[in-house]
Structures are given as structure tokens and as C-alpha cells.
Amino acid sequence: MAVKRSNGAYARRSAGRRRRQARRRRAAWPLGLIWCVAIIVAALYWVANAGPALPADKSEGAGGALQFDGSLEDVRVPENVAQHMVEYPGFKVNFNPDMHVPNYVVWELTAEECGGTEKRLSNFFKDADVPGCATPEDYRKSGYTRGHMAPAADMKWSAEAMRASNYLTNICPQAAAMNSGGWSTLEENCRAWARRDSAIIIVAGPVLTDRMPLHIGKSRVVVPERFFKVVLAPYADPPRGIGFLMPNGKVQGGVQSHAVSIDEVEAVTGMDFFSALPDSIEQIVERQNSYPRWQTLR
């Protein structure tokens, strides 16, 4: 199976290079008393501005690049939830065979991938290798659109990834007002953030802990009441995170009205995101919910 390339390593190498350049500039300062004063000032500055101490098993590497204790794309799902894991080119799906929709979909989106030119496909496909996968017939005349969790526009960098995005394992019934409204706007925002921050990690899916009385098709695909999305910019300085909870209908007030913390999304879904982060950093980024700050950062 094809594996997409990531520029995460490039971002970490660039950060290390900037730190080495800074050290060389400091080394060029005059000696003597000025040098001593500089050392004191630098030490005080480091104490005042250093990030939280990292645990021994989740530390900084030799080049200063943050080392993760596992993959940032790992998501912990409650044990009682039906799930079938499948990996496609560009994204991974944790699929719920009982409800015929994904529990979540996760992918890394890089700045380079946002420049892809593959054309979007109009056909959707059942994945016969995934138990409980819906069929195209389930969605026909249902009154709901086929809403991508990992957007087709994020997969333009590869023909294989583009085709995989139209597997119905990556799809949920969405109201047209949401799919072409607030959900689409948030997808566009994520691509802008990936271009700005080198790469971001995105997890999206339906909120399956809600009461969901509606179903479509012979497969009885559940119709979610809400959807979630969490976004992490792990290579930003400092790392940032934000979450969103949106109703399956018109998104009143726009995207900004539905921004929440990642902690809030975890409380609603029962999932645990980004546990590979150092604990001290995870606690900080998962409390954040400032949509204006995400929009105005350059």
C-alpha cells in the first residue's frame, strides 16, 4: 500500500538548524566582562522563556527537535465501541461496522500536499474488505449528502489518495447545509493552517455518543446529530491545538461559534487524542480554544 510522504521531519530539521544558527551568533559576542554579563542574561532569559519540563520518556532529541512517545495519529477509543481499523493512502479510518460510519478518520496534512492537482471523483465506492461498509445505494434519495471526513481536497496530491477518499468508510450522512457550509469552511481553514504551519494533524468524525434515531438505506446507516474535528499544529512554536463540534444542519454563527477545546471534544466522544505529546504540552494545547488566534497568526 502506498504511504504518503510527510514534511514533518523537514520542519524539525529546520527548527534544529535555526537553533544552531542562534548558538553560533551568541558565540560571536565579545569576551571578558561583556561575555559574562551575556551568559547571565541568557541564562535568565532561558529560565523565563523555556517551555515546561518534559518527562524523561518524552523529551527533546539531540538536535532539540521534540520527540514523540508514539504516533500523533494514534487515537484511543473506548473498549466497548465496535471498531475496524483500515489504512488508506493518506489517511486512516477507525470504522464502526455496527453503525456503518467511521468512529474517526485521522490524517496528517502538509503544506506540500495542499498544492496537489488531482481532480475530484464523482463516484463513491463500497470497501468490500471492511465489514459493515455502507453501499452507494444507501445514500441515494436519502435526503443526505455523502460527507467526507478526510476531505477529497486534502488528497489532491495523489490519485490513489483521491480515490480512497471516496470509499464509504470515509463518509457520513450530512445535511447539505452543513456539508457545503460550516464543514466546508473549516476544511478550507485547515488547508490554510497546514500551509502556514508546515503540517497539521487532523482527526474528524461523527459524535456517536449522541442519541441517533435516524437511519438511511437498507444498511441502516446512522445519521449523526453532530460532528467533531480536532486540529493539532505540532511543529508550530509553541504547538497549538483546537477542537470543533458542529450540528448536522445549518451551522449557525459560522465556524467560530463552534470552536471548543480538544478537552471538550474528548469529553463528548470518550476518545483520547494526541497522547503521544509530552504530558505537559498535551495539557496546554488541549485546553486551548481560541479560534481568532488561529485565524490571525502568521
C-alpha atoms as a PDB file:
ATOM      1  CA  MET A   1       0.000   0.000   0.000  1.00  0.00           C
ATOM      2  CA  ALA A   2       1.330   3.421  -0.874  1.00  0.00           C
ATOM      3  CA  VAL A   3       2.490   5.545   2.017  1.00  0.00           C
ATOM      4  CA  LYS A   4       2.374   9.315   1.714  1.00  0.00           C
ATOM      5  CA  ARG A   5       5.407  11.345   2.481  1.00  0.00           C
ATOM      6  CA  SER A   6       5.400  13.872   5.284  1.00  0.00           C
ATOM      7  CA  ASN A   7       7.393  17.064   5.682  1.00  0.00           C
ATOM      8  CA  GLY A   8       7.226  16.796   9.466  1.00  0.00           C
ATOM      9  CA  ALA A   9      10.867  15.721   9.550  1.00  0.00           C
ATOM     10  CA  TYR A  10      11.745  18.739   7.382  1.00  0.00           C
ATOM     11  CA  ALA A  11      10.061  21.051   9.868  1.00  0.00           C
ATOM     12  CA  ARG A  12      12.012  19.500  12.738  1.00  0.00           C
ATOM     13  CA  ARG A  13      15.285  19.749  10.837  1.00  0.00           C
ATOM     14  CA  SER A  14      14.579  23.416  10.044  1.00  0.00           C
ATOM     15  CA  ALA A  15      13.896  24.134  13.710  1.00  0.00           C
ATOM     16  CA  GLY A  16      17.185  22.476  14.679  1.00  0.00           C
ATOM     17  CA  ARG A  17      19.030  24.496  12.043  1.00  0.00           C
ATOM     18  CA  ARG A  18      17.605  27.767  13.386  1.00  0.00           C
ATOM     19  CA  ARG A  19      18.693  26.854  16.902  1.00  0.00           C
ATOM     20  CA  ARG A  20      22.231  26.058  15.729  1.00  0.00           C
ATOM     21  CA  GLN A  21      22.421  29.384  13.899  1.00  0.00           C
ATOM     22  CA  ALA A  22      21.296  31.184  17.044  1.00  0.00           C
ATOM     23  CA  ARG A  23      24.018  29.438  19.048  1.00  0.00           C
ATOM     24  CA  ARG A  24      26.674  30.481  16.536  1.00  0.00           C
ATOM     25  CA  ARG A  25      25.567  34.116  16.757  1.00  0.00           C
ATOM     26  CA  ARG A  26      25.780  34.038  20.530  1.00  0.00           C
ATOM     27  CA  ALA A  27      29.256  32.516  20.301  1.00  0.00           C
ATOM     28  CA  ALA A  28      30.491  35.576  18.388  1.00  0.00           C
ATOM     29  CA  TRP A  29      29.850  38.039  21.244  1.00  0.00           C
ATOM     30  CA  PRO A  30      32.913  39.798  22.834  1.00  0.00           C
ATOM     31  CA  LEU A  31      34.771  38.095  25.648  1.00  0.00           C
ATOM     32  CA  GLY A  32      35.539  39.447  29.117  1.00  0.00           C
ATOM     33  CA  LEU A  33      33.010  41.202  31.252  1.00  0.00           C
ATOM     34  CA  ILE A  34      30.519  41.595  28.422  1.00  0.00           C
ATOM     35  CA  TRP A  35      30.698  37.856  27.825  1.00  0.00           C
ATOM     36  CA  CYS A  36      29.993  37.115  31.496  1.00  0.00           C
ATOM     37  CA  VAL A  37      27.057  39.512  31.544  1.00  0.00           C
ATOM     38  CA  ALA A  38      25.749  37.936  28.352  1.00  0.00           C
ATOM     39  CA  ILE A  39      25.873  34.483  29.902  1.00  0.00           C
ATOM     40  CA  ILE A  40      23.914  35.688  32.931  1.00  0.00           C
ATOM     41  CA  VAL A  41      21.330  37.445  30.760  1.00  0.00           C
ATOM     42  CA  ALA A  42      20.991  34.401  28.501  1.00  0.00           C
ATOM     43  CA  ALA A  43      20.519  32.110  31.490  1.00  0.00           C
ATOM     44  CA  LEU A  44      17.844  34.379  32.952  1.00  0.00           C
ATOM     45  CA  TYR A  45      16.117  34.558  29.575  1.00  0.00           C
ATOM     46  CA  TRP A  46      16.127  30.771  29.235  1.00  0.00           C
ATOM     47  CA  VAL A  47      14.622  30.327  32.704  1.00  0.00           C
ATOM     48  CA  ALA A  48      11.897  32.848  31.932  1.00  0.00           C
ATOM     49  CA  ASN A  49      11.016  31.534  28.483  1.00  0.00           C
ATOM     50  CA  ALA A  50      11.736  27.824  28.489  1.00  0.00           C
ATOM     51  CA  GLY A  51       8.738  25.596  27.986  1.00  0.00           C
ATOM     52  CA  PRO A  52       7.546  23.167  30.652  1.00  0.00           C
ATOM     53  CA  ALA A  53       9.983  20.457  31.653  1.00  0.00           C
ATOM     54  CA  LEU A  54       9.480  17.332  29.557  1.00  0.00           C
ATOM     55  CA  PRO A  55       9.162  13.900  31.148  1.00  0.00           C
ATOM     56  CA  ALA A  56      12.150  11.601  30.774  1.00  0.00           C
ATOM     57  CA  ASP A  57      10.346   9.323  28.288  1.00  0.00           C
ATOM     58  CA  LYS A  58       9.003  12.239  26.230  1.00  0.00           C
ATOM     59  CA  SER A  59      11.934  14.551  25.739  1.00  0.00           C
ATOM     60  CA  GLU A  60      13.857  16.669  23.295  1.00  0.00           C
ATOM     61  CA  GLY A  61      16.257  14.876  20.983  1.00  0.00           C
ATOM     62  CA  ALA A  62      19.912  15.667  20.432  1.00  0.00           C
ATOM     63  CA  GLY A  63      19.085  18.306  17.809  1.00  0.00           C
ATOM     64  CA  GLY A  64      16.462  19.973  20.003  1.00  0.00           C
ATOM     65  CA  ALA A  65      13.566  18.530  17.990  1.00  0.00           C
ATOM     66  CA  LEU A  66      10.614  17.353  20.034  1.00  0.00           C
ATOM     67  CA  GLN A  67      10.448  13.556  20.202  1.00  0.00           C
ATOM     68  CA  PHE A  68       7.008  11.934  20.426  1.00  0.00           C
ATOM     69  CA  ASP A  69       6.288   8.866  22.527  1.00  0.00           C
ATOM     70  CA  GLY A  70       4.379   7.138  19.729  1.00  0.00           C
ATOM     71  CA  SER A  71       2.397   8.494  16.778  1.00  0.00           C
ATOM     72  CA  LEU A  72       0.403  11.716  16.897  1.00  0.00           C
ATOM     73  CA  GLU A  73      -2.180   9.948  14.734  1.00  0.00           C
ATOM     74  CA  ASP A  74      -2.961   7.390  17.441  1.00  0.00           C
ATOM     75  CA  VAL A  75      -6.449   7.787  18.946  1.00  0.00           C
ATOM     76  CA  ARG A  76      -7.745   5.860  21.934  1.00  0.00           C
ATOM     77  CA  VAL A  77     -11.343   4.701  21.566  1.00  0.00           C
ATOM     78  CA  PRO A  78     -13.431   3.233  24.416  1.00  0.00           C
ATOM     79  CA  GLU A  79     -13.077  -0.560  24.505  1.00  0.00           C
ATOM     80  CA  ASN A  80     -16.819  -1.162  24.193  1.00  0.00           C
ATOM     81  CA  VAL A  81     -17.006   0.607  20.814  1.00  0.00           C
ATOM     82  CA  ALA A  82     -17.152  -1.605  17.710  1.00  0.00           C
ATOM     83  CA  GLN A  83     -14.187  -0.788  15.512  1.00  0.00           C
ATOM     84  CA  HIS A  84     -12.267  -1.978  12.484  1.00  0.00           C
ATOM     85  CA  MET A  85      -9.005  -0.209  11.612  1.00  0.00           C
ATOM     86  CA  VAL A  86      -8.095   0.326   7.952  1.00  0.00           C
ATOM     87  CA  GLU A  87      -5.249   2.355   6.443  1.00  0.00           C
ATOM     88  CA  TYR A  88      -5.562   4.069   3.075  1.00  0.00           C
ATOM     89  CA  PRO A  89      -3.045   6.175   1.161  1.00  0.00           C
ATOM     90  CA  GLY A  90      -3.120   9.489   3.006  1.00  0.00           C
ATOM     91  CA  PHE A  91      -5.375   8.708   5.969  1.00  0.00           C
ATOM     92  CA  LYS A  92      -6.526   6.073   8.441  1.00  0.00           C
ATOM     93  CA  VAL A  93     -10.104   5.102   9.320  1.00  0.00           C
ATOM     94  CA  ASN A  94     -11.374   3.547  12.513  1.00  0.00           C
ATOM     95  CA  PHE A  95     -14.674   2.172  11.220  1.00  0.00           C
ATOM     96  CA  ASN A  96     -17.754   1.217  13.214  1.00  0.00           C
ATOM     97  CA  PRO A  97     -19.314  -1.839  11.498  1.00  0.00           C
ATOM     98  CA  ASP A  98     -22.445  -1.671  13.671  1.00  0.00           C
ATOM     99  CA  MET A  99     -23.290   1.932  12.754  1.00  0.00           C
ATOM    100  CA  HIS A 100     -21.804   1.798   9.219  1.00  0.00           C
ATOM    101  CA  VAL A 101     -19.861   5.043   9.653  1.00  0.00           C
ATOM    102  CA  PRO A 102     -16.347   5.796  10.916  1.00  0.00           C
ATOM    103  CA  ASN A 103     -15.655   6.270  14.611  1.00  0.00           C
ATOM    104  CA  TYR A 104     -12.955   8.669  13.432  1.00  0.00           C
ATOM    105  CA  VAL A 105     -10.663   9.434  10.499  1.00  0.00           C
ATOM    106  CA  VAL A 106      -7.133  10.769  11.072  1.00  0.00           C
ATOM    107  CA  TRP A 107      -4.514  12.190   8.727  1.00  0.00           C
ATOM    108  CA  GLU A 108      -1.511  14.492   8.559  1.00  0.00           C
ATOM    109  CA  LEU A 109      -1.894  17.349   6.090  1.00  0.00           C
ATOM    110  CA  THR A 110       1.313  19.017   4.935  1.00  0.00           C
ATOM    111  CA  ALA A 111       1.888  22.305   3.156  1.00  0.00           C
ATOM    112  CA  GLU A 112       3.240  20.447   0.137  1.00  0.00           C
ATOM    113  CA  GLU A 113       0.137  18.257  -0.143  1.00  0.00           C
ATOM    114  CA  CYS A 114      -2.112  21.335  -0.268  1.00  0.00           C
ATOM    115  CA  GLY A 115      -0.646  22.091  -3.692  1.00  0.00           C
ATOM    116  CA  GLY A 116      -1.918  18.889  -5.331  1.00  0.00           C
ATOM    117  CA  THR A 117      -3.767  18.977  -8.653  1.00  0.00           C
ATOM    118  CA  GLU A 118      -5.596  15.624  -8.862  1.00  0.00           C
ATOM    119  CA  LYS A 119      -9.213  16.012  -9.963  1.00  0.00           C
ATOM    120  CA  ARG A 120     -12.008  15.076  -7.612  1.00  0.00           C
ATOM    121  CA  LEU A 121     -14.007  11.934  -8.443  1.00  0.00           C
ATOM    122  CA  SER A 122     -17.796  11.836  -8.622  1.00  0.00           C
ATOM    123  CA  ASN A 123     -18.252   8.142  -7.832  1.00  0.00           C
ATOM    124  CA  PHE A 124     -18.285   6.643  -4.337  1.00  0.00           C
ATOM    125  CA  PHE A 125     -17.289   3.079  -3.523  1.00  0.00           C
ATOM    126  CA  LYS A 126     -18.039   0.362  -1.010  1.00  0.00           C
ATOM    127  CA  ASP A 127     -14.903  -1.132   0.541  1.00  0.00           C
ATOM    128  CA  ALA A 128     -15.669  -4.852   0.374  1.00  0.00           C
ATOM    129  CA  ASP A 129     -12.772  -5.604   2.731  1.00  0.00           C
ATOM    130  CA  VAL A 130     -14.340  -3.637   5.591  1.00  0.00           C
ATOM    131  CA  PRO A 131     -17.228  -5.295   7.449  1.00  0.00           C
ATOM    132  CA  GLY A 132     -20.362  -3.176   7.694  1.00  0.00           C
ATOM    133  CA  CYS A 133     -19.328  -0.710   4.996  1.00  0.00           C
ATOM    134  CA  ALA A 134     -22.289   1.148   3.508  1.00  0.00           C
ATOM    135  CA  THR A 135     -23.181   0.977  -0.173  1.00  0.00           C
ATOM    136  CA  PRO A 136     -23.803   3.805  -2.653  1.00  0.00           C
ATOM    137  CA  GLU A 137     -27.470   2.754  -2.735  1.00  0.00           C
ATOM    138  CA  ASP A 138     -27.813   3.554   0.984  1.00  0.00           C
ATOM    139  CA  TYR A 139     -27.327   7.260   0.235  1.00  0.00           C
ATOM    140  CA  ARG A 140     -29.455   7.566  -2.901  1.00  0.00           C
ATOM    141  CA  LYS A 141     -32.643   9.602  -2.338  1.00  0.00           C
ATOM    142  CA  SER A 142     -31.898   9.626   1.402  1.00  0.00           C
ATOM    143  CA  GLY A 143     -32.086  13.398   1.750  1.00  0.00           C
ATOM    144  CA  TYR A 144     -28.478  13.497   2.983  1.00  0.00           C
ATOM    145  CA  THR A 145     -25.233  14.225   1.192  1.00  0.00           C
ATOM    146  CA  ARG A 146     -22.172  11.983   1.354  1.00  0.00           C
ATOM    147  CA  GLY A 147     -19.999  13.967   3.728  1.00  0.00           C
ATOM    148  CA  HIS A 148     -16.254  13.331   3.673  1.00  0.00           C
ATOM    149  CA  MET A 149     -14.422  13.100   6.965  1.00  0.00           C
ATOM    150  CA  ALA A 150     -10.982  13.307   5.296  1.00  0.00           C
ATOM    151  CA  PRO A 151     -11.786  15.812   2.510  1.00  0.00           C
ATOM    152  CA  ALA A 152     -11.163  14.937  -1.120  1.00  0.00           C
ATOM    153  CA  ALA A 153      -9.490  18.348  -1.472  1.00  0.00           C
ATOM    154  CA  ASP A 154      -6.855  17.256   1.081  1.00  0.00           C
ATOM    155  CA  MET A 155      -5.977  14.270  -1.120  1.00  0.00           C
ATOM    156  CA  LYS A 156      -5.222  16.061  -4.401  1.00  0.00           C
ATOM    157  CA  TRP A 157      -1.542  15.162  -4.038  1.00  0.00           C
ATOM    158  CA  SER A 158      -2.150  11.531  -5.106  1.00  0.00           C
ATOM    159  CA  ALA A 159      -4.534   9.713  -7.446  1.00  0.00           C
ATOM    160  CA  GLU A 160      -4.627   6.768  -5.030  1.00  0.00           C
ATOM    161  CA  ALA A 161      -5.403   9.014  -2.057  1.00  0.00           C
ATOM    162  CA  MET A 162      -8.094  10.837  -4.036  1.00  0.00           C
ATOM    163  CA  ARG A 163      -9.821   7.563  -4.926  1.00  0.00           C
ATOM    164  CA  ALA A 164      -9.509   6.281  -1.352  1.00  0.00           C
ATOM    165  CA  SER A 165     -11.229   9.415  -0.011  1.00  0.00           C
ATOM    166  CA  ASN A 166     -14.416   8.307  -1.814  1.00  0.00           C
ATOM    167  CA  TYR A 167     -14.620   4.963  -0.056  1.00  0.00           C
ATOM    168  CA  LEU A 168     -17.801   4.977   2.005  1.00  0.00           C
ATOM    169  CA  THR A 169     -15.740   4.093   5.072  1.00  0.00           C
ATOM    170  CA  ASN A 170     -14.692   7.779   4.980  1.00  0.00           C
ATOM    171  CA  ILE A 171     -18.249   9.066   4.537  1.00  0.00           C
ATOM    172  CA  CYS A 172     -21.160  10.013   6.816  1.00  0.00           C
ATOM    173  CA  PRO A 173     -24.701  11.233   6.070  1.00  0.00           C
ATOM    174  CA  GLN A 174     -24.531  15.033   6.306  1.00  0.00           C
ATOM    175  CA  ALA A 175     -27.175  17.686   5.786  1.00  0.00           C
ATOM    176  CA  ALA A 176     -26.390  19.727   2.673  1.00  0.00           C
ATOM    177  CA  ALA A 177     -26.424  22.948   4.705  1.00  0.00           C
ATOM    178  CA  MET A 178     -23.588  21.648   6.840  1.00  0.00           C
ATOM    179  CA  ASN A 179     -21.592  19.850   4.164  1.00  0.00           C
ATOM    180  CA  SER A 180     -21.408  22.874   1.876  1.00  0.00           C
ATOM    181  CA  GLY A 181     -21.474  25.405   4.721  1.00  0.00           C
ATOM    182  CA  GLY A 182     -19.603  25.389   8.010  1.00  0.00           C
ATOM    183  CA  TRP A 183     -17.960  21.986   7.478  1.00  0.00           C
ATOM    184  CA  SER A 184     -16.581  23.076   4.092  1.00  0.00           C
ATOM    185  CA  THR A 185     -15.319  26.362   5.549  1.00  0.00           C
ATOM    186  CA  LEU A 186     -13.496  24.504   8.307  1.00  0.00           C
ATOM    187  CA  GLU A 187     -11.869  22.226   5.719  1.00  0.00           C
ATOM    188  CA  GLU A 188     -10.617  25.277   3.832  1.00  0.00           C
ATOM    189  CA  ASN A 189      -9.292  26.762   7.068  1.00  0.00           C
ATOM    190  CA  CYS A 190      -7.367  23.572   7.811  1.00  0.00           C
ATOM    191  CA  ARG A 191      -5.623  23.739   4.451  1.00  0.00           C
ATOM    192  CA  ALA A 192      -4.643  27.347   5.127  1.00  0.00           C
ATOM    193  CA  TRP A 193      -3.287  26.335   8.548  1.00  0.00           C
ATOM    194  CA  ALA A 194      -1.295  23.455   7.033  1.00  0.00           C
ATOM    195  CA  ARG A 195       0.338  25.862   4.562  1.00  0.00           C
ATOM    196  CA  ARG A 196       1.203  28.258   7.372  1.00  0.00           C
ATOM    197  CA  ASP A 197       2.391  25.741   9.983  1.00  0.00           C
ATOM    198  CA  SER A 198       4.212  23.249   7.710  1.00  0.00           C
ATOM    199  CA  ALA A 199       1.942  20.355   8.760  1.00  0.00           C
ATOM    200  CA  ILE A 200      -1.066  19.701  10.962  1.00  0.00           C
ATOM    201  CA  ILE A 201      -2.710  16.563  12.343  1.00  0.00           C
ATOM    202  CA  ILE A 202      -6.497  16.344  11.919  1.00  0.00           C
ATOM    203  CA  VAL A 203      -8.994  13.919  13.445  1.00  0.00           C
ATOM    204  CA  ALA A 204     -12.634  14.098  12.361  1.00  0.00           C
ATOM    205  CA  GLY A 205     -15.770  12.034  12.734  1.00  0.00           C
ATOM    206  CA  PRO A 206     -19.359  11.806  13.921  1.00  0.00           C
ATOM    207  CA  VAL A 207     -20.315  12.109  17.584  1.00  0.00           C
ATOM    208  CA  LEU A 208     -21.573   8.569  18.115  1.00  0.00           C
ATOM    209  CA  THR A 209     -22.343   9.012  21.812  1.00  0.00           C
ATOM    210  CA  ASP A 210     -25.459  11.051  20.943  1.00  0.00           C
ATOM    211  CA  ARG A 211     -28.924   9.540  20.630  1.00  0.00           C
ATOM    212  CA  MET A 212     -29.284   8.956  16.877  1.00  0.00           C
ATOM    213  CA  PRO A 213     -32.831   7.864  15.959  1.00  0.00           C
ATOM    214  CA  LEU A 214     -32.449   8.364  12.192  1.00  0.00           C
ATOM    215  CA  HIS A 215     -31.026   5.846   9.696  1.00  0.00           C
ATOM    216  CA  ILE A 216     -30.745   5.661   5.925  1.00  0.00           C
ATOM    217  CA  GLY A 217     -30.675   2.834   3.396  1.00  0.00           C
ATOM    218  CA  LYS A 218     -31.024  -0.906   3.701  1.00  0.00           C
ATOM    219  CA  SER A 219     -27.807  -0.999   5.711  1.00  0.00           C
ATOM    220  CA  ARG A 220     -29.439   1.353   8.273  1.00  0.00           C
ATOM    221  CA  VAL A 221     -26.550   3.798   8.270  1.00  0.00           C
ATOM    222  CA  VAL A 222     -26.867   6.021  11.330  1.00  0.00           C
ATOM    223  CA  VAL A 223     -27.412   9.730  10.790  1.00  0.00           C
ATOM    224  CA  PRO A 224     -25.224  11.612  13.307  1.00  0.00           C
ATOM    225  CA  GLU A 225     -26.628  14.584  15.194  1.00  0.00           C
ATOM    226  CA  ARG A 226     -23.192  16.239  15.443  1.00  0.00           C
ATOM    227  CA  PHE A 227     -19.653  16.026  14.086  1.00  0.00           C
ATOM    228  CA  PHE A 228     -16.291  16.772  15.643  1.00  0.00           C
ATOM    229  CA  LYS A 229     -12.904  17.839  14.372  1.00  0.00           C
ATOM    230  CA  VAL A 230      -9.692  18.367  16.328  1.00  0.00           C
ATOM    231  CA  VAL A 231      -6.598  20.014  14.892  1.00  0.00           C
ATOM    232  CA  LEU A 232      -3.017  19.986  16.176  1.00  0.00           C
ATOM    233  CA  ALA A 233      -0.106  22.079  14.859  1.00  0.00           C
ATOM    234  CA  PRO A 234       2.757  20.123  16.479  1.00  0.00           C
ATOM    235  CA  TYR A 235       5.586  21.937  14.682  1.00  0.00           C
ATOM    236  CA  ALA A 236       4.376  25.455  15.475  1.00  0.00           C
ATOM    237  CA  ASP A 237       6.315  27.354  18.125  1.00  0.00           C
ATOM    238  CA  PRO A 238       4.705  26.799  20.537  1.00  0.00           C
ATOM    239  CA  PRO A 239       2.471  23.868  19.462  1.00  0.00           C
ATOM    240  CA  ARG A 240      -1.239  24.721  19.167  1.00  0.00           C
ATOM    241  CA  GLY A 241      -4.494  22.803  19.295  1.00  0.00           C
ATOM    242  CA  ILE A 242      -8.207  23.473  18.786  1.00  0.00           C
ATOM    243  CA  GLY A 243     -11.449  21.500  18.501  1.00  0.00           C
ATOM    244  CA  PHE A 244     -14.856  21.930  16.862  1.00  0.00           C
ATOM    245  CA  LEU A 245     -18.333  20.491  17.456  1.00  0.00           C
ATOM    246  CA  MET A 246     -20.905  21.157  14.718  1.00  0.00           C
ATOM    247  CA  PRO A 247     -24.572  20.232  14.364  1.00  0.00           C
ATOM    248  CA  ASN A 248     -25.663  18.170  11.372  1.00  0.00           C
ATOM    249  CA  GLY A 249     -27.585  21.048   9.842  1.00  0.00           C
ATOM    250  CA  LYS A 250     -27.127  24.761   9.303  1.00  0.00           C
ATOM    251  CA  VAL A 251     -24.079  25.916  11.250  1.00  0.00           C
ATOM    252  CA  GLN A 252     -25.483  29.000  12.965  1.00  0.00           C
ATOM    253  CA  GLY A 253     -22.937  31.710  13.745  1.00  0.00           C
ATOM    254  CA  GLY A 254     -20.271  30.249  11.491  1.00  0.00           C
ATOM    255  CA  VAL A 255     -17.245  28.140  12.326  1.00  0.00           C
ATOM    256  CA  GLN A 256     -16.034  30.417  15.118  1.00  0.00           C
ATOM    257  CA  SER A 257     -19.209  29.818  17.138  1.00  0.00           C
ATOM    258  CA  HIS A 258     -18.462  26.103  17.284  1.00  0.00           C
ATOM    259  CA  ALA A 259     -14.809  26.217  18.332  1.00  0.00           C
ATOM    260  CA  VAL A 260     -14.138  24.317  21.563  1.00  0.00           C
ATOM    261  CA  SER A 261     -11.128  22.852  23.300  1.00  0.00           C
ATOM    262  CA  ILE A 262      -9.817  19.395  22.457  1.00  0.00           C
ATOM    263  CA  ASP A 263     -10.600  18.500  26.072  1.00  0.00           C
ATOM    264  CA  GLU A 264     -14.275  19.224  25.384  1.00  0.00           C
ATOM    265  CA  VAL A 265     -14.298  17.007  22.290  1.00  0.00           C
ATOM    266  CA  GLU A 266     -12.688  14.209  24.314  1.00  0.00           C
ATOM    267  CA  ALA A 267     -15.379  14.566  26.991  1.00  0.00           C
ATOM    268  CA  VAL A 268     -18.161  14.330  24.391  1.00  0.00           C
ATOM    269  CA  THR A 269     -16.723  11.456  22.325  1.00  0.00           C
ATOM    270  CA  GLY A 270     -14.943   9.447  25.021  1.00  0.00           C
ATOM    271  CA  MET A 271     -11.818   9.407  22.844  1.00  0.00           C
ATOM    272  CA  ASP A 272      -8.268  10.418  23.736  1.00  0.00           C
ATOM    273  CA  PHE A 273      -6.333  12.416  21.132  1.00  0.00           C
ATOM    274  CA  PHE A 274      -2.625  13.224  20.793  1.00  0.00           C
ATOM    275  CA  SER A 275      -1.454  11.160  23.769  1.00  0.00           C
ATOM    276  CA  ALA A 276       1.982  10.901  22.119  1.00  0.00           C
ATOM    277  CA  LEU A 277       2.656  14.527  23.047  1.00  0.00           C
ATOM    278  CA  PRO A 278       4.687  15.193  26.185  1.00  0.00           C
ATOM    279  CA  ASP A 279       2.149  15.347  29.011  1.00  0.00           C
ATOM    280  CA  SER A 280       2.940  18.951  29.907  1.00  0.00           C
ATOM    281  CA  ILE A 281       2.458  20.116  26.302  1.00  0.00           C
ATOM    282  CA  GLU A 282      -0.642  17.970  25.778  1.00  0.00           C
ATOM    283  CA  GLN A 283      -2.322  19.579  28.783  1.00  0.00           C
ATOM    284  CA  ILE A 284      -1.686  23.052  27.375  1.00  0.00           C
ATOM    285  CA  VAL A 285      -2.760  22.503  23.765  1.00  0.00           C
ATOM    286  CA  GLU A 286      -5.870  20.522  24.708  1.00  0.00           C
ATOM    287  CA  ARG A 287      -7.172  23.397  26.865  1.00  0.00           C
ATOM    288  CA  GLN A 288      -6.950  25.925  24.027  1.00  0.00           C
ATOM    289  CA  ASN A 289      -9.997  27.029  22.037  1.00  0.00           C
ATOM    290  CA  SER A 290      -9.082  30.454  20.602  1.00  0.00           C
ATOM    291  CA  TYR A 291     -10.364  30.455  17.026  1.00  0.00           C
ATOM    292  CA  PRO A 292      -9.426  34.140  16.467  1.00  0.00           C
ATOM    293  CA  ARG A 293      -5.825  33.350  17.419  1.00  0.00           C
ATOM    294  CA  TRP A 294      -5.685  30.509  14.885  1.00  0.00           C
ATOM    295  CA  GLN A 295      -7.070  32.827  12.216  1.00  0.00           C
ATOM    296  CA  THR A 296      -4.790  35.798  12.900  1.00  0.00           C
ATOM    297  CA  LEU A 297      -1.442  34.016  13.405  1.00  0.00           C
ATOM    298  CA  ARG A 298       1.008  34.475  10.540  1.00  0.00           C
END
